[in-house]
Amino acid sequence: MTQLPVDVDAHEPAAPPRARRRTLTLTAIGNVFEWYDFTVYGFFAPAIAATFFPKQDSLAALLSTFVVFVVGFLARPVGGLIFGRLIDRKGRKTIMLFSMLLMAGGSLLIAVAPGYATAGVLGTLVVVLGRLCQGLSAGGEQGSAGMFLVEWAGTGRRAFFGSFLNSAATTGVLMGALIGAMLTTTLGTAVVNEWAWRIPFFLGAALALVVFFLRRDVEESPVFREIRSAHGSVGEQDTAPVHRMPNGVVFVVVLGFIALWTTTTFITLTYVPTFAFAIVGVDASGSLWATALGAGMTAALIPVGGWISDRVGRRPVIFFSGIGYLVLAVPFFTLIATTKEFWAVLLLEFVLAFFSAPILGTGVALIVEMFHGPNHGFLVTFTMAIGVTIFGGFGPYICTWLISVTGEPVSASYWVVAVSVLTLVSAFFIPRNLHTRPLAR
């Protein structure tokens, strides 16, 4: 009986530099638009609340809107279950193509959904369906694209290559914030709430289709091609297997890592402008401009964080990010709540960018490196989807709920503190030499 190679990138499947660059570029561009489509909902949460929920207490309407926001995240594990299996059987590229079509469809549904005043609950159901499509898409895209980048990179460059997935994701958040800021500045909050919030979703659907056509000519991962050719042609691996934790233990450790990994995006970048505008009372356009600038800085620093991680290891950069968030979360949220000024939001976004970038730069490579076995793609994709759903999807809702229960805006920072502690604990279980090990199958 034939056996697949245990450490498939030990031999570094050769790939021309030009092919690597093209793969990196097209995968990253796809993730820019994928994450733009998925997270732009959070920037327009107040407008969506006014459109699809009956007139009521504004905080209650915002909570209802974030419930629908969570729906997209709940669909991610389902996408991980479905597409994770296919990643191991059909390859990374196939799932990356299909995910773009699904994201385009979801964004278009949200863009055309009739408001509550026109169609009652039907419009809300259309938005929910759109978020489900977006969630399924994101559940498959993140794992497949992450493995695709890391497998193309080879040992010594995995975090750097993988960092472009999160750099692209942050750039997508930046796009959403910029478009939100420009629409709010030029048209005004009233017009955005009435109809202009739909523009970003139409744009997102169109961009996803463009990426689909660009990605069709991208080559499959050289690691996956080697694994596929190994069926029926490769005997016992001639290198000694590396001792690895059971995948069940890895699952728990990775979830702990993902806690802060996702919070850096879904709280610091996606939730903060809503927190500043809808809860604290900071000017809406100012909040979005501050977030856009912070997202731009974070996106630029993420590859630097990945490069450093490839040299010093995964654990040091995680400790750096975790301690930074643990110490700074409460003071910064307090500053915004007490000053209610644009500069306070901008300061939070700029300073936390230096602590977000290291963990975002190392995250994709770490998750791919930690798992092993014939269901590698499934484990990576499903765990990412579960972790992002729990800590990213529920994060904005939990923060808003904490504020509604306590009556104190600063209580939103308590969630950030909690996930920082969880990630710091999980870092102790991550192998010190993980960045130098060959990828396992």
Protein backbone atom coordinates (compact mmCIF):
# COMPACT_ATOMS: atom_id res chain seq x y z
CA MET A 1 0.00 0.00 0.00
CA THR A 2 1.44 3.37 -0.98
CA GLN A 3 1.86 6.16 1.48
CA LEU A 4 1.86 9.92 0.96
CA PRO A 5 4.96 11.84 1.94
CA VAL A 6 4.95 12.80 5.60
CA ASP A 7 6.73 16.12 5.09
CA VAL A 8 5.95 17.15 1.57
CA ASP A 9 7.78 20.44 1.44
CA ALA A 10 11.00 18.93 2.71
CA HIS A 11 12.14 18.71 -0.89
CA GLU A 12 10.95 22.26 -1.72
CA PRO A 13 8.98 21.66 -4.94
CA ALA A 14 10.59 24.00 -7.45
CA ALA A 15 8.55 26.94 -8.67
CA PRO A 16 9.86 29.74 -10.91
CA PRO A 17 10.06 33.13 -9.17
CA ARG A 18 7.72 34.63 -11.77
CA ALA A 19 5.09 31.98 -11.04
CA ARG A 20 5.43 32.61 -7.30
CA ARG A 21 4.95 36.35 -7.76
CA ARG A 22 1.94 35.90 -10.01
CA THR A 23 0.37 33.45 -7.59
CA LEU A 24 0.99 35.74 -4.65
CA THR A 25 -0.47 38.76 -6.49
CA LEU A 26 -3.66 37.13 -7.72
CA THR A 27 -4.34 35.33 -4.46
CA ALA A 28 -3.83 38.54 -2.51
CA ILE A 29 -6.03 40.60 -4.84
CA GLY A 30 -8.78 38.03 -4.49
CA ASN A 31 -8.60 38.28 -0.72
CA VAL A 32 -8.74 42.07 -0.84
CA PHE A 33 -12.13 41.91 -2.50
CA GLU A 34 -13.27 38.85 -0.56
CA TRP A 35 -12.74 40.63 2.75
CA TYR A 36 -14.02 43.93 1.45
CA ASP A 37 -17.30 42.21 0.57
CA PHE A 38 -17.51 40.38 3.87
CA THR A 39 -16.62 43.19 6.28
CA VAL A 40 -18.19 46.22 4.59
CA TYR A 41 -21.46 45.16 6.26
CA GLY A 42 -19.96 46.14 9.62
CA PHE A 43 -19.14 49.68 8.45
CA PHE A 44 -22.70 50.27 7.31
CA ALA A 45 -24.36 48.57 10.27
CA PRO A 46 -26.19 51.76 11.41
CA ALA A 47 -27.59 52.34 7.89
CA ILE A 48 -28.59 48.68 7.52
CA ALA A 49 -30.27 48.82 10.93
CA ALA A 50 -32.34 51.80 9.81
CA THR A 51 -33.31 50.08 6.54
CA PHE A 52 -34.21 46.55 7.61
CA PHE A 53 -35.42 46.79 11.19
CA PRO A 54 -38.54 48.53 12.53
CA LYS A 55 -38.05 51.93 14.13
CA GLN A 56 -37.17 51.30 17.76
CA ASP A 57 -34.43 51.91 20.27
CA SER A 58 -31.31 52.61 18.20
CA LEU A 59 -29.09 50.34 20.32
CA ALA A 60 -31.60 47.48 20.00
CA ALA A 61 -31.70 47.96 16.22
CA LEU A 62 -27.90 47.92 16.13
CA LEU A 63 -27.85 44.70 18.14
CA SER A 64 -30.31 43.17 15.63
CA THR A 65 -28.04 44.23 12.79
CA PHE A 66 -25.04 42.57 14.41
CA VAL A 67 -27.11 39.39 14.81
CA VAL A 68 -27.34 39.29 11.01
CA PHE A 69 -23.61 40.12 10.93
CA VAL A 70 -23.05 37.00 13.04
CA VAL A 71 -25.14 34.93 10.58
CA GLY A 72 -22.38 35.33 8.01
CA PHE A 73 -19.89 33.99 10.51
CA LEU A 74 -22.12 31.07 11.50
CA ALA A 75 -22.10 30.01 7.86
CA ARG A 76 -18.28 29.95 7.81
CA PRO A 77 -17.93 26.58 9.64
CA VAL A 78 -20.46 25.10 7.22
CA GLY A 79 -18.35 26.43 4.37
CA GLY A 80 -15.30 24.98 6.09
CA LEU A 81 -16.98 21.58 6.38
CA ILE A 82 -18.06 21.53 2.75
CA PHE A 83 -15.06 23.10 1.08
CA GLY A 84 -12.43 21.72 3.47
CA ARG A 85 -13.04 18.20 2.19
CA LEU A 86 -12.92 19.42 -1.40
CA ILE A 87 -9.64 21.25 -0.81
CA ASP A 88 -7.98 17.89 -0.05
CA ARG A 89 -9.62 16.17 -3.02
CA LYS A 90 -9.99 18.78 -5.77
CA GLY A 91 -7.22 21.20 -4.87
CA ARG A 92 -6.88 24.72 -3.57
CA LYS A 93 -7.52 26.55 -6.84
CA THR A 94 -10.97 25.05 -7.48
CA ILE A 95 -12.30 26.25 -4.13
CA MET A 96 -10.73 29.69 -4.57
CA LEU A 97 -12.62 30.11 -7.85
CA PHE A 98 -15.97 28.94 -6.54
CA SER A 99 -15.70 31.10 -3.42
CA MET A 100 -15.47 34.24 -5.53
CA LEU A 101 -18.69 33.39 -7.38
CA LEU A 102 -20.47 32.73 -4.10
CA MET A 103 -19.24 36.00 -2.59
CA ALA A 104 -20.40 37.94 -5.65
CA GLY A 105 -23.88 36.43 -5.33
CA GLY A 106 -24.10 37.23 -1.62
CA SER A 107 -23.06 40.85 -2.06
CA LEU A 108 -25.53 41.33 -4.89
CA LEU A 109 -28.41 39.97 -2.76
CA ILE A 110 -27.67 42.47 0.00
CA ALA A 111 -27.40 45.30 -2.52
CA VAL A 112 -30.85 44.67 -4.03
CA ALA A 113 -32.74 43.64 -0.85
CA PRO A 114 -35.92 45.73 -0.37
CA GLY A 115 -36.14 47.68 2.88
CA TYR A 116 -38.48 46.91 5.76
CA ALA A 117 -40.77 49.81 4.83
CA THR A 118 -41.24 48.33 1.35
CA ALA A 119 -41.31 44.56 1.86
CA GLY A 120 -41.37 44.03 5.61
CA VAL A 121 -39.48 41.00 6.88
CA LEU A 122 -38.87 39.74 3.31
CA GLY A 123 -36.09 42.29 2.84
CA THR A 124 -34.45 41.18 6.07
CA LEU A 125 -34.58 37.56 4.91
CA VAL A 126 -32.87 38.49 1.64
CA VAL A 127 -30.08 40.18 3.61
CA VAL A 128 -29.74 37.07 5.79
CA LEU A 129 -29.47 34.90 2.67
CA GLY A 130 -26.82 37.22 1.28
CA ARG A 131 -24.83 36.99 4.51
CA LEU A 132 -25.14 33.19 4.41
CA CYS A 133 -23.64 33.12 0.91
CA GLN A 134 -20.85 35.45 2.01
CA GLY A 135 -20.15 33.28 5.05
CA LEU A 136 -20.01 30.05 3.04
CA SER A 137 -17.66 31.74 0.59
CA ALA A 138 -15.35 33.10 3.29
CA GLY A 139 -15.32 29.73 5.06
CA GLY A 140 -13.83 28.08 1.99
CA GLU A 141 -11.70 30.93 0.72
CA GLN A 142 -9.60 31.64 3.77
CA GLY A 143 -8.35 28.09 4.27
CA SER A 144 -7.79 27.33 0.59
CA ALA A 145 -6.04 30.63 -0.13
CA GLY A 146 -3.96 30.35 3.04
CA MET A 147 -2.72 26.86 2.19
CA PHE A 148 -2.17 27.95 -1.40
CA LEU A 149 0.17 30.77 -0.36
CA VAL A 150 2.07 28.83 2.29
CA GLU A 151 2.59 25.82 0.02
CA TRP A 152 3.94 28.04 -2.76
CA ALA A 153 6.38 29.72 -0.36
CA GLY A 154 8.60 26.90 0.89
CA THR A 155 10.44 26.70 4.22
CA GLY A 156 11.85 30.00 5.47
CA ARG A 157 9.27 32.16 3.69
CA ARG A 158 5.97 30.67 4.82
CA ALA A 159 4.92 33.43 7.23
CA PHE A 160 5.99 36.12 4.77
CA PHE A 161 3.97 34.59 1.93
CA GLY A 162 1.05 33.74 4.22
CA SER A 163 1.09 37.27 5.63
CA PHE A 164 -0.22 38.60 2.34
CA LEU A 165 -3.52 36.83 3.00
CA ASN A 166 -4.09 38.99 6.08
CA SER A 167 -2.48 42.04 4.50
CA ALA A 168 -4.97 41.66 1.67
CA ALA A 169 -7.79 41.12 4.15
CA THR A 170 -6.83 44.32 5.98
CA THR A 171 -6.62 46.13 2.65
CA GLY A 172 -10.16 44.93 1.97
CA VAL A 173 -11.22 46.41 5.31
CA LEU A 174 -9.39 49.59 4.30
CA MET A 175 -11.36 49.72 1.06
CA GLY A 176 -14.62 49.39 2.95
CA ALA A 177 -13.64 52.13 5.39
CA LEU A 178 -12.49 54.45 2.59
CA ILE A 179 -15.66 53.99 0.59
CA GLY A 180 -17.75 54.47 3.71
CA ALA A 181 -15.82 57.62 4.60
CA MET A 182 -16.09 59.05 1.09
CA LEU A 183 -19.82 58.34 0.81
CA THR A 184 -20.52 59.78 4.25
CA THR A 185 -18.37 62.87 3.59
CA THR A 186 -19.73 63.64 0.12
CA LEU A 187 -23.38 62.57 0.43
CA GLY A 188 -24.01 62.93 4.16
CA THR A 189 -25.21 60.43 6.75
CA ALA A 190 -28.90 60.86 5.84
CA VAL A 191 -28.39 59.94 2.17
CA VAL A 192 -26.13 57.01 3.07
CA ASN A 193 -28.77 55.68 5.47
CA GLU A 194 -31.48 56.11 2.85
CA TRP A 195 -29.93 54.40 -0.19
CA ALA A 196 -26.19 55.06 -0.77
CA TRP A 197 -25.12 52.24 1.58
CA ARG A 198 -26.06 49.86 -1.26
CA ILE A 199 -23.30 51.18 -3.56
CA PRO A 200 -20.42 49.32 -1.82
CA PHE A 201 -22.27 46.01 -2.15
CA PHE A 202 -22.88 46.47 -5.88
CA LEU A 203 -19.20 47.34 -6.27
CA GLY A 204 -18.15 44.29 -4.25
CA ALA A 205 -20.19 41.92 -6.42
CA ALA A 206 -18.58 43.31 -9.57
CA LEU A 207 -15.06 43.10 -8.18
CA ALA A 208 -15.53 39.49 -7.07
CA LEU A 209 -16.45 38.53 -10.62
CA VAL A 210 -13.35 40.28 -11.97
CA VAL A 211 -11.15 38.27 -9.60
CA PHE A 212 -12.85 35.03 -10.64
CA PHE A 213 -11.78 35.57 -14.24
CA LEU A 214 -8.24 36.61 -13.26
CA ARG A 215 -7.73 33.55 -11.07
CA ARG A 216 -8.70 31.01 -13.72
CA ASP A 217 -5.16 30.87 -15.13
CA VAL A 218 -3.34 30.54 -11.78
CA GLU A 219 -1.39 27.26 -11.38
CA GLU A 220 -2.29 24.81 -8.61
CA SER A 221 -0.05 24.63 -5.53
CA PRO A 222 3.18 22.68 -6.28
CA VAL A 223 2.80 20.86 -2.94
CA PHE A 224 -0.70 19.69 -3.84
CA ARG A 225 0.51 18.57 -7.27
CA GLU A 226 3.27 16.54 -5.63
CA ILE A 227 0.81 14.95 -3.21
CA ARG A 228 -1.54 14.06 -6.04
CA SER A 229 1.27 12.51 -8.06
CA ALA A 230 2.34 10.56 -4.95
CA HIS A 231 -0.78 8.40 -5.15
CA GLY A 232 0.44 5.10 -6.49
CA SER A 233 4.02 6.29 -7.03
CA VAL A 234 5.64 7.15 -3.70
CA GLY A 235 6.69 4.67 -1.06
CA GLU A 236 7.90 5.29 2.45
CA GLN A 237 9.24 8.77 3.15
CA ASP A 238 12.99 8.70 3.55
CA THR A 239 13.12 11.46 6.13
CA ALA A 240 12.42 10.90 9.81
CA PRO A 241 8.94 12.08 10.80
CA VAL A 242 8.70 15.04 13.15
CA HIS A 243 6.96 14.50 16.49
CA ARG A 244 3.70 16.46 16.42
CA MET A 245 0.83 17.08 18.83
CA PRO A 246 -2.41 15.18 18.16
CA ASN A 247 -4.70 17.17 15.91
CA GLY A 248 -7.31 17.35 18.68
CA VAL A 249 -4.86 19.21 20.90
CA VAL A 250 -3.74 21.34 17.96
CA PHE A 251 -7.37 22.34 17.36
CA VAL A 252 -7.70 23.75 20.90
CA VAL A 253 -4.34 25.55 20.75
CA VAL A 254 -5.09 27.09 17.36
CA LEU A 255 -8.52 28.28 18.53
CA GLY A 256 -6.80 30.05 21.41
CA PHE A 257 -4.41 31.68 18.95
CA ILE A 258 -7.24 32.71 16.62
CA ALA A 259 -8.97 34.55 19.50
CA LEU A 260 -6.72 37.60 19.23
CA TRP A 261 -5.80 37.01 15.59
CA THR A 262 -9.37 37.77 14.51
CA THR A 263 -10.02 40.42 17.16
CA THR A 264 -7.31 42.60 15.64
CA THR A 265 -9.49 42.87 12.51
CA PHE A 266 -13.09 42.49 13.62
CA ILE A 267 -12.88 44.71 16.70
CA THR A 268 -9.99 47.12 16.08
CA LEU A 269 -10.85 47.80 12.43
CA THR A 270 -14.45 46.76 11.80
CA TYR A 271 -16.17 47.48 15.13
CA VAL A 272 -14.31 50.56 16.39
CA PRO A 273 -15.85 53.02 13.86
CA THR A 274 -19.36 51.79 14.77
CA PHE A 275 -18.45 52.00 18.46
CA ALA A 276 -17.07 55.52 18.06
CA PHE A 277 -19.98 56.83 15.95
CA ALA A 278 -23.10 54.97 17.06
CA ILE A 279 -22.29 54.55 20.77
CA VAL A 280 -19.82 57.26 21.81
CA GLY A 281 -20.88 60.02 19.41
CA VAL A 282 -17.69 60.69 17.41
CA ASP A 283 -18.31 62.17 13.96
CA ALA A 284 -19.21 59.33 11.55
CA SER A 285 -16.92 60.33 8.68
CA GLY A 286 -14.07 61.03 11.11
CA SER A 287 -14.40 57.57 12.64
CA LEU A 288 -14.23 55.94 9.22
CA TRP A 289 -11.28 58.04 8.06
CA ALA A 290 -9.35 57.16 11.23
CA THR A 291 -10.05 53.47 10.69
CA ALA A 292 -9.07 53.71 7.01
CA LEU A 293 -5.71 55.24 7.94
CA GLY A 294 -5.15 52.63 10.65
CA ALA A 295 -6.05 49.81 8.27
CA GLY A 296 -3.61 51.16 5.70
CA MET A 297 -0.78 51.18 8.22
CA THR A 298 -1.68 47.69 9.46
CA ALA A 299 -1.79 46.27 5.93
CA ALA A 300 1.66 47.71 5.20
CA LEU A 301 3.16 46.31 8.41
CA ILE A 302 1.72 42.77 8.20
CA PRO A 303 4.33 41.43 5.70
CA VAL A 304 7.03 42.88 7.97
CA GLY A 305 5.51 40.90 10.84
CA GLY A 306 5.56 37.75 8.70
CA TRP A 307 9.19 38.34 7.69
CA ILE A 308 10.23 38.75 11.33
CA SER A 309 8.28 35.62 12.31
CA ASP A 310 10.19 33.56 9.74
CA ARG A 311 13.40 34.58 11.48
CA VAL A 312 12.62 34.65 15.21
CA GLY A 313 9.82 32.06 15.33
CA ARG A 314 6.08 32.13 15.92
CA ARG A 315 5.96 32.44 19.72
CA PRO A 316 7.86 35.74 20.21
CA VAL A 317 5.62 37.71 17.84
CA ILE A 318 2.49 36.28 19.47
CA PHE A 319 3.69 37.32 22.91
CA PHE A 320 4.48 40.81 21.60
CA SER A 321 0.98 41.25 20.11
CA GLY A 322 -0.85 39.69 23.05
CA ILE A 323 0.86 41.79 25.70
CA GLY A 324 0.32 44.96 23.68
CA TYR A 325 -3.43 44.40 23.38
CA LEU A 326 -3.71 43.28 26.99
CA VAL A 327 -2.11 46.49 28.27
CA LEU A 328 -3.57 49.04 25.84
CA ALA A 329 -7.18 47.96 25.18
CA VAL A 330 -8.83 49.52 28.24
CA PRO A 331 -6.89 52.83 28.14
CA PHE A 332 -7.64 53.40 24.46
CA PHE A 333 -11.36 52.59 24.65
CA THR A 334 -11.56 54.84 27.72
CA LEU A 335 -9.83 57.65 25.81
CA ILE A 336 -12.34 57.45 22.95
CA ALA A 337 -15.31 57.29 25.32
CA THR A 338 -14.18 60.30 27.39
CA THR A 339 -12.86 62.62 24.66
CA LYS A 340 -15.29 61.69 21.85
CA GLU A 341 -12.73 63.03 19.41
CA PHE A 342 -11.43 61.93 16.00
CA TRP A 343 -7.81 62.04 17.17
CA ALA A 344 -8.51 59.47 19.91
CA VAL A 345 -9.84 56.96 17.35
CA LEU A 346 -6.88 57.69 15.09
CA LEU A 347 -4.42 57.16 17.95
CA LEU A 348 -5.98 53.78 18.80
CA GLU A 349 -5.81 52.64 15.18
CA PHE A 350 -2.21 53.79 14.66
CA VAL A 351 -0.73 52.44 17.89
CA LEU A 352 -2.55 49.09 17.76
CA ALA A 353 -1.40 48.63 14.14
CA PHE A 354 2.09 47.86 15.53
CA PHE A 355 0.65 45.11 17.73
CA SER A 356 -1.83 43.78 15.14
CA ALA A 357 0.72 43.33 12.35
CA PRO A 358 2.95 40.68 14.01
CA ILE A 359 0.13 38.28 14.88
CA LEU A 360 -1.61 38.86 11.55
CA GLY A 361 1.68 38.29 9.75
CA THR A 362 2.35 34.93 11.39
CA GLY A 363 -1.21 33.56 11.66
CA VAL A 364 -1.79 31.84 8.33
CA ALA A 365 1.54 30.03 8.30
CA LEU A 366 1.16 28.97 11.94
CA ILE A 367 -2.25 27.35 11.38
CA VAL A 368 -1.09 25.51 8.25
CA GLU A 369 2.09 24.35 10.03
CA MET A 370 0.36 23.10 13.17
CA PHE A 371 -1.96 20.54 11.56
CA HIS A 372 -0.96 17.28 9.89
CA GLY A 373 -2.48 14.20 8.33
CA PRO A 374 -4.40 13.31 5.16
CA ASN A 375 -7.19 15.78 6.04
CA HIS A 376 -4.80 18.69 6.36
CA GLY A 377 -6.85 21.06 4.19
CA PHE A 378 -10.08 20.23 6.00
CA LEU A 379 -8.52 20.76 9.43
CA VAL A 380 -7.01 24.11 8.47
CA THR A 381 -10.15 25.41 6.79
CA PHE A 382 -12.65 24.21 9.38
CA THR A 383 -10.59 25.42 12.35
CA MET A 384 -10.13 28.85 10.77
CA ALA A 385 -13.86 29.07 10.13
CA ILE A 386 -14.79 28.02 13.67
CA GLY A 387 -12.29 30.38 15.27
CA VAL A 388 -13.24 33.39 13.15
CA THR A 389 -16.92 32.69 13.81
CA ILE A 390 -16.53 32.55 17.60
CA PHE A 391 -14.09 35.39 18.12
CA GLY A 392 -14.66 37.53 15.05
CA GLY A 393 -18.36 37.10 14.35
CA PHE A 394 -19.58 37.28 17.93
CA GLY A 395 -17.02 39.91 18.96
CA PRO A 396 -18.94 43.04 17.83
CA TYR A 397 -22.18 41.65 19.26
CA ILE A 398 -20.58 40.80 22.61
CA CYS A 399 -18.97 44.24 22.83
CA THR A 400 -22.30 45.94 22.10
CA TRP A 401 -24.08 43.63 24.56
CA LEU A 402 -21.56 44.44 27.30
CA ILE A 403 -22.22 48.14 26.75
CA SER A 404 -26.00 47.64 26.87
CA VAL A 405 -25.76 45.64 30.11
CA THR A 406 -23.29 47.85 31.95
CA GLY A 407 -24.20 51.21 30.46
CA GLU A 408 -20.44 51.91 30.14
CA PRO A 409 -18.89 52.23 26.64
CA VAL A 410 -15.47 51.23 27.98
CA SER A 411 -16.80 47.76 28.83
CA ALA A 412 -16.32 46.81 25.16
CA SER A 413 -12.60 46.63 25.90
CA TYR A 414 -13.11 43.83 28.42
CA TRP A 415 -13.73 41.39 25.57
CA VAL A 416 -10.42 42.41 23.99
CA VAL A 417 -8.62 41.83 27.29
CA ALA A 418 -10.20 38.37 27.63
CA VAL A 419 -9.15 37.18 24.17
CA SER A 420 -5.64 38.59 24.70
CA VAL A 421 -5.22 36.43 27.80
CA LEU A 422 -6.52 33.36 25.94
CA THR A 423 -4.06 33.85 23.09
CA LEU A 424 -1.12 34.40 25.43
CA VAL A 425 -1.92 31.11 27.20
CA SER A 426 -2.17 29.23 23.88
CA ALA A 427 1.22 30.59 22.78
CA PHE A 428 2.98 28.48 25.43
CA PHE A 429 1.82 25.31 23.62
CA ILE A 430 3.14 26.33 20.21
CA PRO A 431 6.46 24.56 19.37
CA ARG A 432 9.48 26.85 19.45
CA ASN A 433 10.87 25.45 16.19
CA LEU A 434 7.57 25.44 14.29
CA HIS A 435 8.87 27.92 11.69
CA THR A 436 11.75 25.62 10.73
CA ARG A 437 9.79 22.37 10.46
CA PRO A 438 8.76 21.05 7.05
CA LEU A 439 5.04 21.08 6.30
CA ALA A 440 3.28 17.87 7.28
CA ARG A 441 0.56 15.87 5.51
